[in-house]
Amino acid sequence: MQLQQKNLRFSAILLLQTSEKEDDPMVHKMNKVERQLSQEDTLALLKKGDHGTLSVNGDDGYPYATPVNYIMVEDKLYIHSAPYGYKIECLEKSKKCCFSAIISS
């Protein structure tokens, strides 16, 4: 997973990109493959939402999760964030993170 940060005057936008490489150690096959969504279905579902949870590696290896707002633009997920704070400090130390979208039907 790659992280790019663009500082704006009062806020930052974090762009998270997932890896599609087969040899990536973070790419795991689902136990119930028949339930896995296609890339297109996953993107369509993400476009329906606007908030979720970003989890990062916190102090002393403890996970830290925080609610965030996001937007999908050209199949990329942008997370709105202040350009400073604990979440940004954690991402500067380790780019390993996890995002969970909250989609209301």
C-alpha atoms as a PDB file:
ATOM      1  CA  MET A   1       0.000   0.000   0.000  1.00  0.00           C
ATOM      2  CA  GLN A   2       1.359   3.373  -0.962  1.00  0.00           C
ATOM      3  CA  LEU A   3       0.634   6.624   0.792  1.00  0.00           C
ATOM      4  CA  GLN A   4       0.842  10.037  -0.786  1.00  0.00           C
ATOM      5  CA  GLN A   5       0.231  13.227   1.126  1.00  0.00           C
ATOM      6  CA  LYS A   6      -0.621  16.619  -0.307  1.00  0.00           C
ATOM      7  CA  ASN A   7      -0.585  19.454   2.211  1.00  0.00           C
ATOM      8  CA  LEU A   8      -3.209  22.122   1.746  1.00  0.00           C
ATOM      9  CA  ARG A   9      -3.529  25.264   3.819  1.00  0.00           C
ATOM     10  CA  PHE A  10      -5.809  23.811   6.512  1.00  0.00           C
ATOM     11  CA  SER A  11      -6.107  20.177   5.555  1.00  0.00           C
ATOM     12  CA  ALA A  12      -4.368  17.287   3.876  1.00  0.00           C
ATOM     13  CA  ILE A  13      -5.705  14.705   1.537  1.00  0.00           C
ATOM     14  CA  LEU A  14      -4.350  11.196   1.913  1.00  0.00           C
ATOM     15  CA  LEU A  15      -4.433   8.991  -1.154  1.00  0.00           C
ATOM     16  CA  LEU A  16      -4.354   5.263  -0.487  1.00  0.00           C
ATOM     17  CA  GLN A  17      -3.621   2.864  -3.296  1.00  0.00           C
ATOM     18  CA  THR A  18      -3.858  -0.894  -2.969  1.00  0.00           C
ATOM     19  CA  SER A  19      -1.423  -3.267  -4.531  1.00  0.00           C
ATOM     20  CA  GLU A  20      -2.592  -5.544  -7.321  1.00  0.00           C
ATOM     21  CA  LYS A  21       0.646  -7.533  -7.529  1.00  0.00           C
ATOM     22  CA  GLU A  22       0.206 -11.275  -7.149  1.00  0.00           C
ATOM     23  CA  ASP A  23       3.490 -11.622  -5.224  1.00  0.00           C
ATOM     24  CA  ASP A  24       2.557  -8.915  -2.691  1.00  0.00           C
ATOM     25  CA  PRO A  25       2.690 -10.481   0.813  1.00  0.00           C
ATOM     26  CA  MET A  26      -0.469  -8.575   1.785  1.00  0.00           C
ATOM     27  CA  VAL A  27      -2.552 -10.109  -1.014  1.00  0.00           C
ATOM     28  CA  HIS A  28      -4.431 -13.040   0.517  1.00  0.00           C
ATOM     29  CA  LYS A  29      -7.045 -15.284  -1.012  1.00  0.00           C
ATOM     30  CA  MET A  30     -10.433 -15.283   0.697  1.00  0.00           C
ATOM     31  CA  ASN A  31     -11.606 -18.511   2.334  1.00  0.00           C
ATOM     32  CA  LYS A  32     -14.960 -18.248   0.553  1.00  0.00           C
ATOM     33  CA  VAL A  33     -13.799 -17.072  -2.873  1.00  0.00           C
ATOM     34  CA  GLU A  34     -17.349 -17.216  -4.271  1.00  0.00           C
ATOM     35  CA  ARG A  35     -18.252 -14.266  -1.988  1.00  0.00           C
ATOM     36  CA  GLN A  36     -15.400 -12.036  -3.135  1.00  0.00           C
ATOM     37  CA  LEU A  37     -16.470  -8.897  -4.989  1.00  0.00           C
ATOM     38  CA  SER A  38     -14.927  -7.990  -8.306  1.00  0.00           C
ATOM     39  CA  GLN A  39     -12.765  -4.873  -8.571  1.00  0.00           C
ATOM     40  CA  GLU A  40     -15.621  -3.098 -10.378  1.00  0.00           C
ATOM     41  CA  ASP A  41     -18.210  -4.062  -7.734  1.00  0.00           C
ATOM     42  CA  THR A  42     -15.858  -3.007  -4.929  1.00  0.00           C
ATOM     43  CA  LEU A  43     -15.295   0.422  -6.507  1.00  0.00           C
ATOM     44  CA  ALA A  44     -19.033   0.872  -7.089  1.00  0.00           C
ATOM     45  CA  LEU A  45     -19.715   0.054  -3.441  1.00  0.00           C
ATOM     46  CA  LEU A  46     -17.023   2.471  -2.215  1.00  0.00           C
ATOM     47  CA  LYS A  47     -18.518   5.240  -4.374  1.00  0.00           C
ATOM     48  CA  LYS A  48     -21.798   4.882  -2.446  1.00  0.00           C
ATOM     49  CA  GLY A  49     -20.142   5.742   0.875  1.00  0.00           C
ATOM     50  CA  ASP A  50     -18.471   8.808   2.334  1.00  0.00           C
ATOM     51  CA  HIS A  51     -16.998   7.714   5.677  1.00  0.00           C
ATOM     52  CA  GLY A  52     -15.101   4.869   7.242  1.00  0.00           C
ATOM     53  CA  THR A  53     -12.332   3.952   9.651  1.00  0.00           C
ATOM     54  CA  LEU A  54      -8.593   4.304   9.074  1.00  0.00           C
ATOM     55  CA  SER A  55      -6.430   2.016  11.207  1.00  0.00           C
ATOM     56  CA  VAL A  56      -2.709   2.636  11.574  1.00  0.00           C
ATOM     57  CA  ASN A  57       0.191   1.325  13.641  1.00  0.00           C
ATOM     58  CA  GLY A  58       0.188   3.377  16.843  1.00  0.00           C
ATOM     59  CA  ASP A  59       2.658   3.685  19.696  1.00  0.00           C
ATOM     60  CA  ASP A  60       4.389   0.520  20.931  1.00  0.00           C
ATOM     61  CA  GLY A  61       2.795  -1.543  18.148  1.00  0.00           C
ATOM     62  CA  TYR A  62      -0.768  -0.940  19.280  1.00  0.00           C
ATOM     63  CA  PRO A  63      -3.366  -0.360  16.548  1.00  0.00           C
ATOM     64  CA  TYR A  64      -5.023   3.047  16.346  1.00  0.00           C
ATOM     65  CA  ALA A  65      -8.292   3.469  14.446  1.00  0.00           C
ATOM     66  CA  THR A  66     -10.048   6.735  13.748  1.00  0.00           C
ATOM     67  CA  PRO A  67     -13.173   7.687  11.789  1.00  0.00           C
ATOM     68  CA  VAL A  68     -12.524   9.574   8.545  1.00  0.00           C
ATOM     69  CA  ASN A  69     -14.443  11.050   5.618  1.00  0.00           C
ATOM     70  CA  TYR A  70     -13.482   9.982   2.121  1.00  0.00           C
ATOM     71  CA  ILE A  71     -14.324  10.496  -1.519  1.00  0.00           C
ATOM     72  CA  MET A  72     -13.720   8.385  -4.603  1.00  0.00           C
ATOM     73  CA  VAL A  73     -12.260  10.216  -7.620  1.00  0.00           C
ATOM     74  CA  GLU A  74     -11.280   8.301 -10.757  1.00  0.00           C
ATOM     75  CA  ASP A  75     -11.244   5.003  -8.814  1.00  0.00           C
ATOM     76  CA  LYS A  76      -8.900   6.394  -6.163  1.00  0.00           C
ATOM     77  CA  LEU A  77      -9.824   6.765  -2.498  1.00  0.00           C
ATOM     78  CA  TYR A  78      -9.046  10.161  -0.958  1.00  0.00           C
ATOM     79  CA  ILE A  79      -9.226  10.558   2.815  1.00  0.00           C
ATOM     80  CA  HIS A  80      -9.724  14.021   4.295  1.00  0.00           C
ATOM     81  CA  SER A  81      -7.407  14.827   7.180  1.00  0.00           C
ATOM     82  CA  ALA A  82      -5.656  17.663   8.951  1.00  0.00           C
ATOM     83  CA  PRO A  83      -1.974  17.921   7.876  1.00  0.00           C
ATOM     84  CA  TYR A  84      -0.855  17.182  11.444  1.00  0.00           C
ATOM     85  CA  GLY A  85      -1.881  15.059  14.380  1.00  0.00           C
ATOM     86  CA  TYR A  86      -1.418  11.567  15.716  1.00  0.00           C
ATOM     87  CA  LYS A  87      -2.789   9.790  12.631  1.00  0.00           C
ATOM     88  CA  ILE A  88      -0.304  11.623  10.388  1.00  0.00           C
ATOM     89  CA  GLU A  89       2.568  10.933  12.828  1.00  0.00           C
ATOM     90  CA  CYS A  90       1.719   7.222  12.746  1.00  0.00           C
ATOM     91  CA  LEU A  91       1.588   7.170   8.936  1.00  0.00           C
ATOM     92  CA  GLU A  92       4.963   8.933   8.749  1.00  0.00           C
ATOM     93  CA  LYS A  93       6.471   6.178  10.931  1.00  0.00           C
ATOM     94  CA  SER A  94       4.788   3.321   9.063  1.00  0.00           C
ATOM     95  CA  LYS A  95       2.771   3.424   5.875  1.00  0.00           C
ATOM     96  CA  LYS A  96       1.042   0.162   6.851  1.00  0.00           C
ATOM     97  CA  CYS A  97      -2.629   0.873   7.377  1.00  0.00           C
ATOM     98  CA  CYS A  98      -6.119  -0.474   6.824  1.00  0.00           C
ATOM     99  CA  PHE A  99      -9.268   1.283   5.672  1.00  0.00           C
ATOM    100  CA  SER A 100     -12.813   0.033   6.326  1.00  0.00           C
ATOM    101  CA  ALA A 101     -15.692   1.796   4.574  1.00  0.00           C
ATOM    102  CA  ILE A 102     -19.056   2.154   6.280  1.00  0.00           C
ATOM    103  CA  ILE A 103     -21.758   1.794   3.655  1.00  0.00           C
ATOM    104  CA  SER A 104     -25.419   2.333   4.537  1.00  0.00           C
ATOM    105  CA  SER A 105     -27.904   0.629   2.251  1.00  0.00           C
END
